[in-house]
Amino acid sequence: MEQPVTSLETGNTAVILWLEGGHWFQNKMRGIGIREQKTIRLVAKHPFNGPIVVEVDGREITIGRRMADHIITGVPE
């Protein structure tokens, strides 16, 4: 099932299927290590639509919730 990373429950993992956005957004995400076929884990969701914390390749990364809505994930294989 395809869903944005923000739909995951805290602690759950998924595989990044694609980045939904323009060239700038995709380059920005890939530059910080968030790219297709990587496993991503939702570490925390801050309240009041604040940022989220994800873990990719053992690194925790904080990103804005609106940006995270454009990271489409699926069930790990």
N, C-alpha and C. Protein backbone atom coordinates (compact mmCIF):
# COMPACT_ATOMS: atom_id res chain seq x y z
N MET A 1 0.85 -1.19 0.00
CA MET A 1 0.00 0.00 0.00
C MET A 1 0.89 1.24 0.00
N GLU A 2 0.62 2.14 -0.89
CA GLU A 2 1.40 3.38 -1.00
C GLU A 2 0.80 4.46 -0.11
N GLN A 3 1.69 5.13 0.65
CA GLN A 3 1.24 6.19 1.55
C GLN A 3 2.41 7.12 1.84
N PRO A 4 2.12 8.36 2.18
CA PRO A 4 3.21 9.26 2.56
C PRO A 4 3.83 8.82 3.89
N VAL A 5 5.07 9.18 4.09
CA VAL A 5 5.77 8.79 5.32
C VAL A 5 5.06 9.33 6.56
N THR A 6 4.34 10.43 6.43
CA THR A 6 3.61 11.00 7.57
C THR A 6 2.46 10.11 8.02
N SER A 7 2.02 9.16 7.20
CA SER A 7 0.93 8.25 7.57
C SER A 7 1.42 7.07 8.38
N LEU A 8 2.72 6.88 8.47
CA LEU A 8 3.27 5.78 9.26
C LEU A 8 3.06 6.04 10.75
N GLU A 9 2.97 4.96 11.52
CA GLU A 9 2.94 5.08 12.97
C GLU A 9 4.38 5.23 13.46
N THR A 10 4.57 5.92 14.56
CA THR A 10 5.91 6.11 15.12
C THR A 10 6.56 4.75 15.37
N GLY A 11 7.79 4.60 14.89
CA GLY A 11 8.54 3.36 15.05
C GLY A 11 8.43 2.42 13.87
N ASN A 12 7.46 2.63 12.98
CA ASN A 12 7.29 1.75 11.82
C ASN A 12 8.28 2.09 10.71
N THR A 13 8.60 1.09 9.91
CA THR A 13 9.50 1.28 8.78
C THR A 13 8.76 1.02 7.48
N ALA A 14 9.30 1.57 6.40
CA ALA A 14 8.76 1.37 5.06
C ALA A 14 9.89 1.63 4.07
N VAL A 15 9.63 1.32 2.81
CA VAL A 15 10.59 1.57 1.74
C VAL A 15 10.10 2.79 0.96
N ILE A 16 11.01 3.68 0.63
CA ILE A 16 10.66 4.86 -0.16
C ILE A 16 10.45 4.42 -1.60
N LEU A 17 9.25 4.65 -2.13
CA LEU A 17 8.93 4.27 -3.50
C LEU A 17 9.27 5.37 -4.49
N TRP A 18 8.87 6.59 -4.16
CA TRP A 18 9.21 7.73 -5.01
C TRP A 18 9.07 9.03 -4.24
N LEU A 19 9.66 10.08 -4.82
CA LEU A 19 9.57 11.43 -4.26
C LEU A 19 8.65 12.22 -5.17
N GLU A 20 7.56 12.69 -4.62
CA GLU A 20 6.52 13.36 -5.39
C GLU A 20 6.77 14.87 -5.35
N GLY A 21 7.37 15.39 -6.39
CA GLY A 21 7.65 16.81 -6.40
C GLY A 21 8.57 17.18 -7.56
N GLY A 22 8.91 18.42 -7.60
CA GLY A 22 9.74 18.94 -8.67
C GLY A 22 11.22 18.62 -8.51
N HIS A 23 11.98 19.09 -9.46
CA HIS A 23 13.42 18.84 -9.52
C HIS A 23 14.13 19.33 -8.26
N TRP A 24 13.81 20.54 -7.79
CA TRP A 24 14.45 21.09 -6.59
C TRP A 24 14.19 20.20 -5.38
N PHE A 25 12.94 19.81 -5.18
CA PHE A 25 12.57 18.98 -4.03
C PHE A 25 13.29 17.64 -4.08
N GLN A 26 13.28 16.99 -5.23
CA GLN A 26 13.93 15.69 -5.34
C GLN A 26 15.43 15.78 -5.09
N ASN A 27 16.08 16.80 -5.62
CA ASN A 27 17.51 16.98 -5.37
C ASN A 27 17.79 17.25 -3.90
N LYS A 28 16.95 18.04 -3.26
CA LYS A 28 17.11 18.35 -1.84
C LYS A 28 17.01 17.07 -1.00
N MET A 29 15.99 16.27 -1.24
CA MET A 29 15.79 15.03 -0.49
C MET A 29 16.94 14.05 -0.73
N ARG A 30 17.32 13.88 -1.97
CA ARG A 30 18.42 12.95 -2.28
C ARG A 30 19.73 13.44 -1.68
N GLY A 31 19.90 14.75 -1.60
CA GLY A 31 21.11 15.32 -1.01
C GLY A 31 21.26 15.04 0.47
N ILE A 32 20.15 14.85 1.17
CA ILE A 32 20.21 14.55 2.60
C ILE A 32 20.04 13.06 2.87
N GLY A 33 20.05 12.25 1.81
CA GLY A 33 20.03 10.80 1.97
C GLY A 33 18.68 10.14 1.84
N ILE A 34 17.64 10.91 1.53
CA ILE A 34 16.30 10.35 1.37
C ILE A 34 16.10 10.13 -0.12
N ARG A 35 16.16 8.84 -0.52
CA ARG A 35 16.02 8.52 -1.94
C ARG A 35 15.28 7.20 -2.11
N GLU A 36 14.88 6.93 -3.34
CA GLU A 36 14.10 5.74 -3.66
C GLU A 36 14.84 4.47 -3.24
N GLN A 37 14.05 3.47 -2.83
CA GLN A 37 14.51 2.14 -2.43
C GLN A 37 15.25 2.10 -1.10
N LYS A 38 15.33 3.22 -0.39
CA LYS A 38 15.93 3.24 0.95
C LYS A 38 14.83 2.90 1.97
N THR A 39 15.25 2.26 3.05
CA THR A 39 14.33 1.99 4.15
C THR A 39 14.30 3.21 5.06
N ILE A 40 13.09 3.63 5.42
CA ILE A 40 12.91 4.81 6.25
C ILE A 40 12.08 4.42 7.47
N ARG A 41 12.44 4.95 8.62
CA ARG A 41 11.71 4.68 9.86
C ARG A 41 11.24 6.00 10.44
N LEU A 42 9.97 6.05 10.82
CA LEU A 42 9.43 7.26 11.45
C LEU A 42 9.79 7.24 12.93
N VAL A 43 10.61 8.19 13.35
CA VAL A 43 11.08 8.26 14.74
C VAL A 43 10.11 9.05 15.60
N ALA A 44 9.67 10.22 15.10
CA ALA A 44 8.78 11.08 15.91
C ALA A 44 7.99 12.02 15.02
N LYS A 45 6.80 12.36 15.50
CA LYS A 45 5.96 13.40 14.88
C LYS A 45 5.77 14.47 15.93
N HIS A 46 6.21 15.67 15.65
CA HIS A 46 6.02 16.76 16.61
C HIS A 46 4.58 17.27 16.51
N PRO A 47 4.03 17.74 17.61
CA PRO A 47 2.63 18.16 17.61
C PRO A 47 2.38 19.43 16.80
N PHE A 48 1.09 19.69 16.58
CA PHE A 48 0.63 20.90 15.90
C PHE A 48 1.21 21.02 14.49
N ASN A 49 1.23 19.89 13.77
CA ASN A 49 1.75 19.86 12.39
C ASN A 49 3.19 20.32 12.31
N GLY A 50 3.95 20.08 13.36
CA GLY A 50 5.37 20.41 13.37
C GLY A 50 6.16 19.41 12.53
N PRO A 51 7.47 19.51 12.59
CA PRO A 51 8.31 18.63 11.77
C PRO A 51 8.24 17.18 12.23
N ILE A 52 8.75 16.30 11.37
CA ILE A 52 8.85 14.90 11.73
C ILE A 52 10.33 14.51 11.73
N VAL A 53 10.64 13.46 12.46
CA VAL A 53 12.00 12.94 12.52
C VAL A 53 11.97 11.55 11.91
N VAL A 54 12.82 11.31 10.91
CA VAL A 54 12.92 10.01 10.28
C VAL A 54 14.35 9.50 10.41
N GLU A 55 14.50 8.20 10.26
CA GLU A 55 15.83 7.60 10.27
C GLU A 55 16.06 6.90 8.94
N VAL A 56 17.17 7.25 8.28
CA VAL A 56 17.58 6.63 7.03
C VAL A 56 19.06 6.34 7.14
N ASP A 57 19.45 5.10 6.87
CA ASP A 57 20.86 4.69 6.94
C ASP A 57 21.48 4.99 8.31
N GLY A 58 20.70 4.83 9.37
CA GLY A 58 21.22 5.04 10.72
C GLY A 58 21.34 6.49 11.14
N ARG A 59 20.90 7.41 10.30
CA ARG A 59 20.95 8.85 10.62
C ARG A 59 19.55 9.38 10.84
N GLU A 60 19.38 10.16 11.89
CA GLU A 60 18.08 10.81 12.12
C GLU A 60 18.07 12.14 11.40
N ILE A 61 16.98 12.39 10.67
CA ILE A 61 16.84 13.60 9.87
C ILE A 61 15.49 14.23 10.22
N THR A 62 15.50 15.52 10.50
CA THR A 62 14.26 16.26 10.78
C THR A 62 13.86 17.02 9.52
N ILE A 63 12.62 16.83 9.10
CA ILE A 63 12.11 17.54 7.91
C ILE A 63 10.71 18.06 8.20
N GLY A 64 10.34 19.09 7.47
CA GLY A 64 9.01 19.66 7.62
C GLY A 64 7.92 18.68 7.20
N ARG A 65 6.79 18.79 7.83
CA ARG A 65 5.70 17.85 7.56
C ARG A 65 5.19 17.96 6.13
N ARG A 66 5.14 19.17 5.58
CA ARG A 66 4.65 19.31 4.20
C ARG A 66 5.61 18.65 3.21
N MET A 67 6.90 18.73 3.48
CA MET A 67 7.87 18.04 2.62
C MET A 67 7.72 16.53 2.80
N ALA A 68 7.52 16.09 4.02
CA ALA A 68 7.39 14.66 4.30
C ALA A 68 6.15 14.07 3.64
N ASP A 69 5.12 14.89 3.45
CA ASP A 69 3.90 14.42 2.77
C ASP A 69 4.19 14.00 1.33
N HIS A 70 5.31 14.42 0.77
CA HIS A 70 5.66 14.12 -0.61
C HIS A 70 6.66 12.98 -0.74
N ILE A 71 6.95 12.31 0.37
CA ILE A 71 7.81 11.12 0.35
C ILE A 71 6.86 9.92 0.42
N ILE A 72 6.69 9.24 -0.71
CA ILE A 72 5.72 8.14 -0.81
C ILE A 72 6.43 6.83 -0.50
N THR A 73 5.83 6.07 0.42
CA THR A 73 6.44 4.83 0.89
C THR A 73 5.53 3.64 0.64
N GLY A 74 6.12 2.46 0.78
CA GLY A 74 5.38 1.22 0.66
C GLY A 74 5.87 0.22 1.69
N VAL A 75 5.26 -0.93 1.73
CA VAL A 75 5.60 -1.98 2.69
C VAL A 75 6.98 -2.55 2.35
N PRO A 76 7.84 -2.78 3.34
CA PRO A 76 9.14 -3.39 3.05
C PRO A 76 8.98 -4.78 2.44
N GLU A 77 9.87 -5.10 1.51
CA GLU A 77 9.81 -6.40 0.84
C GLU A 77 10.62 -7.44 1.56
